[in-house]
Amino acid sequence: MKPISKFVTQAECDQLASLLGRKYTSFLRQRYFEVSVRKDSHGVYAKVILRSKDGSFYYPVEARAAHMEHDMEESGVALLLCEYIGEYFAEYFREGGELYLPIDWADYSWEGVPLQMRGQILNLEAERLADELLSNEKPHDAELH
């Protein structure tokens, strides 16, 4: 994973991922969490990925908030977003993995802070295999000649 912004260190993101892993260990089934955060002039962004090592399960959950709309430092907003995503995963696991976020940004609020979230479960391994299969196919018009 590439280094992230200076306002939240990579070590802090790794600690958050480890905490989530310990909290939900009974639900992970050989999956693990990755956490990253960033900021730009529009706001603070957090991404928590629940994934398998081979990529057959890849669930990035993203949250964002405009840090100038409230009296919190950017690092506090990042941690709040990660906390909210953690609460989402608590509900996701309680529902047996049948609780989904919209693919496009949707509005939410946590502790009085307006934010947006999105997520989509992917199978990166199946996508890789499909890309490999398609790249090895001959063009259809080449067969006609």
N, C-alpha and C. Protein backbone atom coordinates (compact mmCIF):
# COMPACT_ATOMS: atom_id res chain seq x y z
N MET A 1 0.85 -1.18 0.00
CA MET A 1 0.00 0.00 0.00
C MET A 1 0.89 1.24 0.00
N LYS A 2 0.53 2.21 -0.80
CA LYS A 2 1.33 3.43 -0.92
C LYS A 2 1.20 4.28 0.34
N PRO A 3 2.20 5.12 0.61
CA PRO A 3 2.08 6.02 1.75
C PRO A 3 0.87 6.94 1.58
N ILE A 4 0.29 7.30 2.68
CA ILE A 4 -0.88 8.16 2.63
C ILE A 4 -0.53 9.54 3.15
N SER A 5 -1.51 10.37 3.28
CA SER A 5 -1.29 11.75 3.68
C SER A 5 -0.62 11.85 5.04
N LYS A 6 -0.07 13.02 5.32
CA LYS A 6 0.66 13.24 6.57
C LYS A 6 -0.26 13.43 7.76
N PHE A 7 -1.52 13.75 7.53
CA PHE A 7 -2.40 14.03 8.66
C PHE A 7 -2.83 12.78 9.40
N VAL A 8 -2.81 11.63 8.77
CA VAL A 8 -3.01 10.33 9.42
C VAL A 8 -1.94 9.42 8.85
N THR A 9 -1.16 8.81 9.71
CA THR A 9 -0.02 8.02 9.25
C THR A 9 -0.45 6.63 8.77
N GLN A 10 0.42 6.01 8.02
CA GLN A 10 0.18 4.64 7.58
C GLN A 10 0.07 3.71 8.79
N ALA A 11 0.90 3.96 9.80
CA ALA A 11 0.85 3.14 11.02
C ALA A 11 -0.52 3.24 11.69
N GLU A 12 -1.08 4.44 11.72
CA GLU A 12 -2.42 4.61 12.31
C GLU A 12 -3.47 3.88 11.50
N CYS A 13 -3.36 3.92 10.17
CA CYS A 13 -4.29 3.17 9.32
C CYS A 13 -4.15 1.67 9.55
N ASP A 14 -2.93 1.21 9.66
CA ASP A 14 -2.69 -0.21 9.93
C ASP A 14 -3.26 -0.62 11.29
N GLN A 15 -3.14 0.26 12.29
CA GLN A 15 -3.72 -0.02 13.61
C GLN A 15 -5.23 -0.11 13.53
N LEU A 16 -5.86 0.80 12.77
CA LEU A 16 -7.31 0.75 12.62
C LEU A 16 -7.74 -0.55 11.93
N ALA A 17 -7.00 -0.95 10.90
CA ALA A 17 -7.31 -2.20 10.21
C ALA A 17 -7.18 -3.39 11.16
N SER A 18 -6.15 -3.37 11.98
CA SER A 18 -5.94 -4.44 12.96
C SER A 18 -7.07 -4.47 13.99
N LEU A 19 -7.47 -3.31 14.46
CA LEU A 19 -8.58 -3.24 15.42
C LEU A 19 -9.87 -3.79 14.82
N LEU A 20 -10.15 -3.43 13.58
CA LEU A 20 -11.35 -3.96 12.92
C LEU A 20 -11.24 -5.47 12.78
N GLY A 21 -10.07 -5.96 12.43
CA GLY A 21 -9.87 -7.40 12.30
C GLY A 21 -10.11 -8.14 13.59
N ARG A 22 -9.63 -7.58 14.70
CA ARG A 22 -9.85 -8.22 16.01
C ARG A 22 -11.33 -8.13 16.41
N LYS A 23 -11.95 -6.99 16.14
CA LYS A 23 -13.35 -6.81 16.53
C LYS A 23 -14.27 -7.78 15.79
N TYR A 24 -13.98 -8.03 14.52
CA TYR A 24 -14.87 -8.86 13.70
C TYR A 24 -14.24 -10.20 13.31
N THR A 25 -13.28 -10.66 14.09
CA THR A 25 -12.54 -11.87 13.74
C THR A 25 -13.43 -13.07 13.48
N SER A 26 -14.53 -13.21 14.19
CA SER A 26 -15.39 -14.39 14.01
C SER A 26 -16.16 -14.34 12.69
N PHE A 27 -16.17 -13.20 12.01
CA PHE A 27 -16.90 -13.06 10.75
C PHE A 27 -15.98 -13.04 9.52
N LEU A 28 -14.70 -12.98 9.71
CA LEU A 28 -13.80 -12.68 8.60
C LEU A 28 -13.62 -13.81 7.60
N ARG A 29 -13.61 -15.06 8.02
CA ARG A 29 -13.46 -16.21 7.11
C ARG A 29 -12.31 -16.00 6.13
N GLN A 30 -11.11 -15.86 6.64
CA GLN A 30 -9.88 -15.68 5.88
C GLN A 30 -9.87 -14.40 5.04
N ARG A 31 -10.61 -13.40 5.51
CA ARG A 31 -10.56 -12.08 4.91
C ARG A 31 -9.91 -11.14 5.91
N TYR A 32 -9.53 -9.99 5.46
CA TYR A 32 -8.90 -9.01 6.34
C TYR A 32 -9.24 -7.60 5.88
N PHE A 33 -8.93 -6.63 6.73
CA PHE A 33 -9.22 -5.23 6.45
C PHE A 33 -7.97 -4.48 6.03
N GLU A 34 -8.16 -3.50 5.17
CA GLU A 34 -7.15 -2.50 4.84
C GLU A 34 -7.82 -1.14 5.02
N VAL A 35 -7.08 -0.18 5.55
CA VAL A 35 -7.64 1.17 5.78
C VAL A 35 -6.72 2.19 5.14
N SER A 36 -7.32 3.16 4.47
CA SER A 36 -6.55 4.29 3.94
C SER A 36 -7.40 5.55 4.07
N VAL A 37 -6.73 6.67 4.20
CA VAL A 37 -7.41 7.96 4.25
C VAL A 37 -6.61 8.95 3.41
N ARG A 38 -7.31 9.97 2.95
CA ARG A 38 -6.66 11.06 2.22
C ARG A 38 -7.50 12.31 2.38
N LYS A 39 -6.93 13.42 1.99
CA LYS A 39 -7.67 14.67 2.02
C LYS A 39 -7.30 15.47 0.79
N ASP A 40 -8.20 16.35 0.41
CA ASP A 40 -7.93 17.31 -0.64
C ASP A 40 -8.66 18.59 -0.29
N SER A 41 -8.74 19.49 -1.21
CA SER A 41 -9.36 20.79 -0.91
C SER A 41 -10.86 20.68 -0.66
N HIS A 42 -11.48 19.57 -1.06
CA HIS A 42 -12.92 19.40 -0.88
C HIS A 42 -13.30 18.69 0.41
N GLY A 43 -12.41 17.88 0.94
CA GLY A 43 -12.77 17.15 2.15
C GLY A 43 -11.81 16.05 2.50
N VAL A 44 -12.30 15.19 3.37
CA VAL A 44 -11.53 14.05 3.87
C VAL A 44 -12.22 12.78 3.38
N TYR A 45 -11.42 11.81 2.99
CA TYR A 45 -11.91 10.56 2.44
C TYR A 45 -11.31 9.40 3.23
N ALA A 46 -12.12 8.40 3.51
CA ALA A 46 -11.65 7.19 4.18
C ALA A 46 -12.14 5.99 3.38
N LYS A 47 -11.29 4.99 3.27
CA LYS A 47 -11.66 3.76 2.59
C LYS A 47 -11.26 2.59 3.47
N VAL A 48 -12.22 1.72 3.74
CA VAL A 48 -11.96 0.48 4.47
C VAL A 48 -12.32 -0.65 3.52
N ILE A 49 -11.35 -1.49 3.25
CA ILE A 49 -11.56 -2.60 2.32
C ILE A 49 -11.57 -3.90 3.13
N LEU A 50 -12.61 -4.67 2.94
CA LEU A 50 -12.67 -6.04 3.46
C LEU A 50 -12.36 -6.92 2.26
N ARG A 51 -11.31 -7.74 2.36
CA ARG A 51 -10.87 -8.48 1.20
C ARG A 51 -10.28 -9.84 1.55
N SER A 52 -10.26 -10.69 0.56
CA SER A 52 -9.53 -11.95 0.68
C SER A 52 -8.17 -11.77 0.02
N LYS A 53 -7.24 -12.61 0.38
CA LYS A 53 -5.88 -12.49 -0.14
C LYS A 53 -5.85 -12.65 -1.67
N ASP A 54 -6.66 -13.56 -2.21
CA ASP A 54 -6.64 -13.82 -3.65
C ASP A 54 -7.51 -12.86 -4.45
N GLY A 55 -8.22 -11.96 -3.78
CA GLY A 55 -9.05 -10.98 -4.49
C GLY A 55 -10.41 -11.49 -4.91
N SER A 56 -10.75 -12.72 -4.54
CA SER A 56 -12.07 -13.24 -4.91
C SER A 56 -13.19 -12.54 -4.14
N PHE A 57 -12.85 -11.90 -3.03
CA PHE A 57 -13.79 -11.05 -2.30
C PHE A 57 -13.09 -9.73 -2.04
N TYR A 58 -13.65 -8.65 -2.55
CA TYR A 58 -13.03 -7.33 -2.42
C TYR A 58 -14.17 -6.33 -2.23
N TYR A 59 -14.27 -5.80 -1.00
CA TYR A 59 -15.39 -4.90 -0.68
C TYR A 59 -14.84 -3.58 -0.15
N PRO A 60 -14.60 -2.62 -1.06
CA PRO A 60 -14.17 -1.29 -0.61
C PRO A 60 -15.39 -0.46 -0.19
N VAL A 61 -15.36 0.02 1.04
CA VAL A 61 -16.39 0.92 1.54
C VAL A 61 -15.73 2.28 1.73
N GLU A 62 -16.27 3.27 1.06
CA GLU A 62 -15.68 4.60 1.09
C GLU A 62 -16.63 5.59 1.75
N ALA A 63 -16.05 6.54 2.47
CA ALA A 63 -16.83 7.62 3.08
C ALA A 63 -16.07 8.93 2.86
N ARG A 64 -16.82 10.00 2.77
CA ARG A 64 -16.20 11.32 2.61
C ARG A 64 -17.04 12.36 3.34
N ALA A 65 -16.35 13.40 3.78
CA ALA A 65 -17.01 14.52 4.46
C ALA A 65 -16.23 15.79 4.15
N ALA A 66 -16.96 16.87 4.00
CA ALA A 66 -16.32 18.17 3.80
C ALA A 66 -15.85 18.66 5.16
N HIS A 67 -14.54 18.76 5.35
CA HIS A 67 -14.00 19.07 6.68
C HIS A 67 -14.26 20.51 7.09
N MET A 68 -14.63 21.38 6.19
CA MET A 68 -14.83 22.78 6.56
C MET A 68 -16.24 23.05 7.06
N GLU A 69 -17.12 22.07 7.04
CA GLU A 69 -18.50 22.27 7.45
C GLU A 69 -18.71 22.09 8.96
N HIS A 70 -17.68 21.78 9.71
CA HIS A 70 -17.81 21.58 11.15
C HIS A 70 -16.50 21.90 11.83
N ASP A 71 -16.52 21.92 13.13
CA ASP A 71 -15.35 22.35 13.91
C ASP A 71 -14.45 21.18 14.31
N MET A 72 -14.10 20.34 13.38
CA MET A 72 -13.21 19.22 13.68
C MET A 72 -11.97 19.36 12.82
N GLU A 73 -10.85 18.91 13.37
CA GLU A 73 -9.64 18.84 12.57
C GLU A 73 -9.78 17.72 11.54
N GLU A 74 -9.00 17.82 10.48
CA GLU A 74 -9.09 16.83 9.41
C GLU A 74 -8.83 15.41 9.92
N SER A 75 -7.88 15.25 10.82
CA SER A 75 -7.60 13.90 11.34
C SER A 75 -8.79 13.38 12.13
N GLY A 76 -9.50 14.27 12.85
CA GLY A 76 -10.69 13.86 13.58
C GLY A 76 -11.80 13.43 12.64
N VAL A 77 -11.93 14.13 11.53
CA VAL A 77 -12.93 13.75 10.52
C VAL A 77 -12.58 12.38 9.94
N ALA A 78 -11.30 12.15 9.65
CA ALA A 78 -10.87 10.86 9.10
C ALA A 78 -11.21 9.72 10.07
N LEU A 79 -10.93 9.91 11.34
CA LEU A 79 -11.22 8.88 12.33
C LEU A 79 -12.72 8.67 12.49
N LEU A 80 -13.49 9.76 12.43
CA LEU A 80 -14.95 9.66 12.50
C LEU A 80 -15.48 8.84 11.33
N LEU A 81 -14.95 9.08 10.13
CA LEU A 81 -15.38 8.32 8.95
C LEU A 81 -15.04 6.84 9.11
N CYS A 82 -13.85 6.56 9.60
CA CYS A 82 -13.46 5.16 9.81
C CYS A 82 -14.35 4.50 10.86
N GLU A 83 -14.70 5.25 11.90
CA GLU A 83 -15.59 4.72 12.94
C GLU A 83 -16.96 4.40 12.35
N TYR A 84 -17.47 5.29 11.51
CA TYR A 84 -18.78 5.06 10.90
C TYR A 84 -18.74 3.85 9.97
N ILE A 85 -17.67 3.71 9.19
CA ILE A 85 -17.54 2.54 8.33
C ILE A 85 -17.47 1.28 9.19
N GLY A 86 -16.77 1.35 10.32
CA GLY A 86 -16.71 0.22 11.24
C GLY A 86 -18.09 -0.16 11.74
N GLU A 87 -18.92 0.83 12.03
CA GLU A 87 -20.30 0.55 12.46
C GLU A 87 -21.12 -0.06 11.33
N TYR A 88 -20.86 0.40 10.12
CA TYR A 88 -21.54 -0.21 8.97
C TYR A 88 -21.19 -1.70 8.90
N PHE A 89 -19.89 -2.04 9.05
CA PHE A 89 -19.49 -3.44 8.98
C PHE A 89 -20.10 -4.25 10.11
N ALA A 90 -20.31 -3.66 11.27
CA ALA A 90 -20.99 -4.37 12.36
C ALA A 90 -22.38 -4.79 11.92
N GLU A 91 -23.09 -3.88 11.30
CA GLU A 91 -24.44 -4.17 10.80
C GLU A 91 -24.38 -5.17 9.63
N TYR A 92 -23.41 -4.99 8.76
CA TYR A 92 -23.22 -5.89 7.61
C TYR A 92 -23.04 -7.33 8.10
N PHE A 93 -22.19 -7.53 9.10
CA PHE A 93 -21.96 -8.88 9.62
C PHE A 93 -23.19 -9.41 10.36
N ARG A 94 -23.87 -8.54 11.11
CA ARG A 94 -25.11 -8.97 11.81
C ARG A 94 -26.16 -9.46 10.82
N GLU A 95 -26.18 -8.83 9.64
CA GLU A 95 -27.17 -9.20 8.61
C GLU A 95 -26.68 -10.34 7.73
N GLY A 96 -25.59 -10.99 8.12
CA GLY A 96 -25.08 -12.13 7.37
C GLY A 96 -24.51 -11.77 6.01
N GLY A 97 -24.02 -10.55 5.88
CA GLY A 97 -23.44 -10.12 4.61
C GLY A 97 -24.47 -9.72 3.58
N GLU A 98 -25.70 -9.47 4.03
CA GLU A 98 -26.78 -9.13 3.11
C GLU A 98 -27.21 -7.66 3.21
N LEU A 99 -26.36 -6.81 3.72
CA LEU A 99 -26.64 -5.38 3.83
C LEU A 99 -25.67 -4.66 2.90
N TYR A 100 -26.20 -3.95 1.93
CA TYR A 100 -25.35 -3.34 0.92
C TYR A 100 -25.50 -1.83 0.88
N LEU A 101 -24.42 -1.19 0.54
CA LEU A 101 -24.41 0.26 0.33
C LEU A 101 -24.70 0.53 -1.15
N PRO A 102 -25.15 1.74 -1.45
CA PRO A 102 -25.30 2.09 -2.87
C PRO A 102 -23.93 2.21 -3.54
N ILE A 103 -23.90 1.97 -4.84
CA ILE A 103 -22.66 2.09 -5.61
C ILE A 103 -22.25 3.56 -5.73
N ASP A 104 -23.23 4.44 -5.87
CA ASP A 104 -22.97 5.87 -5.95
C ASP A 104 -23.03 6.50 -4.56
N TRP A 105 -22.40 7.65 -4.41
CA TRP A 105 -22.39 8.35 -3.13
C TRP A 105 -23.82 8.59 -2.64
N ALA A 106 -24.06 8.28 -1.37
CA ALA A 106 -25.35 8.52 -0.73
C ALA A 106 -25.12 9.27 0.58
N ASP A 107 -26.08 10.08 0.97
CA ASP A 107 -25.95 10.92 2.16
C ASP A 107 -26.29 10.17 3.44
N TYR A 108 -25.46 10.41 4.47
CA TYR A 108 -25.65 9.86 5.80
C TYR A 108 -25.24 10.94 6.80
N SER A 109 -25.41 10.63 8.08
CA SER A 109 -24.95 11.54 9.12
C SER A 109 -24.48 10.69 10.30
N TRP A 110 -23.38 11.07 10.92
CA TRP A 110 -22.84 10.35 12.07
C TRP A 110 -22.39 11.39 13.08
N GLU A 111 -22.95 11.32 14.28
CA GLU A 111 -22.62 12.25 15.36
C GLU A 111 -22.74 13.70 14.90
N GLY A 112 -23.79 13.97 14.13
CA GLY A 112 -24.07 15.32 13.66
C GLY A 112 -23.22 15.78 12.49
N VAL A 113 -22.40 14.92 11.96
CA VAL A 113 -21.54 15.28 10.83
C VAL A 113 -22.14 14.69 9.54
N PRO A 114 -22.50 15.55 8.59
CA PRO A 114 -22.99 15.03 7.31
C PRO A 114 -21.83 14.39 6.54
N LEU A 115 -22.13 13.24 5.94
CA LEU A 115 -21.11 12.53 5.17
C LEU A 115 -21.78 11.76 4.05
N GLN A 116 -20.96 11.21 3.19
CA GLN A 116 -21.46 10.37 2.12
C GLN A 116 -20.68 9.06 2.13
N MET A 117 -21.38 8.00 1.69
CA MET A 117 -20.74 6.67 1.62
C MET A 117 -21.13 5.98 0.34
N ARG A 118 -20.30 5.03 -0.03
CA ARG A 118 -20.61 4.13 -1.15
C ARG A 118 -19.80 2.85 -0.98
N GLY A 119 -20.21 1.81 -1.68
CA GLY A 119 -19.48 0.55 -1.63
C GLY A 119 -19.99 -0.40 -2.69
N GLN A 120 -19.14 -1.34 -3.06
CA GLN A 120 -19.52 -2.35 -4.04
C GLN A 120 -18.64 -3.57 -3.86
N ILE A 121 -19.26 -4.73 -3.72
CA ILE A 121 -18.51 -5.98 -3.59
C ILE A 121 -18.06 -6.42 -4.98
N LEU A 122 -16.78 -6.72 -5.07
CA LEU A 122 -16.19 -7.13 -6.35
C LEU A 122 -15.47 -8.47 -6.19
N ASN A 123 -15.29 -9.15 -7.30
CA ASN A 123 -14.46 -10.34 -7.35
C ASN A 123 -13.32 -10.02 -8.30
N LEU A 124 -12.22 -9.51 -7.78
CA LEU A 124 -11.10 -9.11 -8.61
C LEU A 124 -10.46 -10.28 -9.33
N GLU A 125 -10.48 -11.45 -8.72
CA GLU A 125 -9.90 -12.63 -9.35
C GLU A 125 -10.72 -13.02 -10.59
N ALA A 126 -12.04 -13.01 -10.49
CA ALA A 126 -12.89 -13.33 -11.65
C ALA A 126 -12.70 -12.28 -12.74
N GLU A 127 -12.57 -11.01 -12.36
CA GLU A 127 -12.33 -9.96 -13.35
C GLU A 127 -10.98 -10.16 -14.04
N ARG A 128 -9.97 -10.53 -13.28
CA ARG A 128 -8.64 -10.77 -13.86
C ARG A 128 -8.70 -11.93 -14.85
N LEU A 129 -9.38 -13.02 -14.45
CA LEU A 129 -9.50 -14.18 -15.34
C LEU A 129 -10.28 -13.84 -16.60
N ALA A 130 -11.34 -13.05 -16.47
CA ALA A 130 -12.12 -12.64 -17.63
C ALA A 130 -11.28 -11.77 -18.57
N ASP A 131 -10.53 -10.85 -18.01
CA ASP A 131 -9.65 -10.01 -18.83
C ASP A 131 -8.61 -10.86 -19.56
N GLU A 132 -8.07 -11.84 -18.86
CA GLU A 132 -7.08 -12.73 -19.46
C GLU A 132 -7.70 -13.54 -20.59
N LEU A 133 -8.88 -14.05 -20.36
CA LEU A 133 -9.58 -14.82 -21.38
C LEU A 133 -9.88 -13.95 -22.60
N LEU A 134 -10.36 -12.76 -22.38
CA LEU A 134 -10.70 -11.86 -23.49
C LEU A 134 -9.45 -11.43 -24.26
N SER A 135 -8.35 -11.24 -23.57
CA SER A 135 -7.13 -10.81 -24.26
C SER A 135 -6.53 -11.94 -25.10
N ASN A 136 -6.87 -13.18 -24.81
CA ASN A 136 -6.35 -14.33 -25.57
C ASN A 136 -7.26 -14.72 -26.73
N GLU A 137 -8.45 -14.11 -26.83
CA GLU A 137 -9.36 -14.43 -27.92
C GLU A 137 -8.90 -13.79 -29.22
N LYS A 138 -9.17 -14.47 -30.33
CA LYS A 138 -8.89 -13.89 -31.64
C LYS A 138 -10.03 -12.95 -32.01
N PRO A 139 -9.73 -11.88 -32.74
CA PRO A 139 -10.82 -11.02 -33.21
C PRO A 139 -11.76 -11.82 -34.11
N HIS A 140 -13.07 -11.53 -34.03
CA HIS A 140 -14.07 -12.28 -34.77
C HIS A 140 -13.87 -12.16 -36.28
N ASP A 141 -13.51 -11.00 -36.80
CA ASP A 141 -13.35 -10.83 -38.23
C ASP A 141 -12.11 -11.57 -38.76
N ALA A 142 -11.15 -11.87 -37.90
CA ALA A 142 -9.98 -12.62 -38.33
C ALA A 142 -10.37 -14.05 -38.68
N GLU A 143 -11.40 -14.57 -38.07
CA GLU A 143 -11.86 -15.93 -38.34
C GLU A 143 -12.58 -16.03 -39.68
N LEU A 144 -13.12 -14.92 -40.16
CA LEU A 144 -13.87 -14.93 -41.40
C LEU A 144 -12.97 -14.96 -42.63
N HIS A 145 -11.75 -14.58 -42.53
CA HIS A 145 -10.85 -14.49 -43.70
C HIS A 145 -10.10 -15.73 -43.92
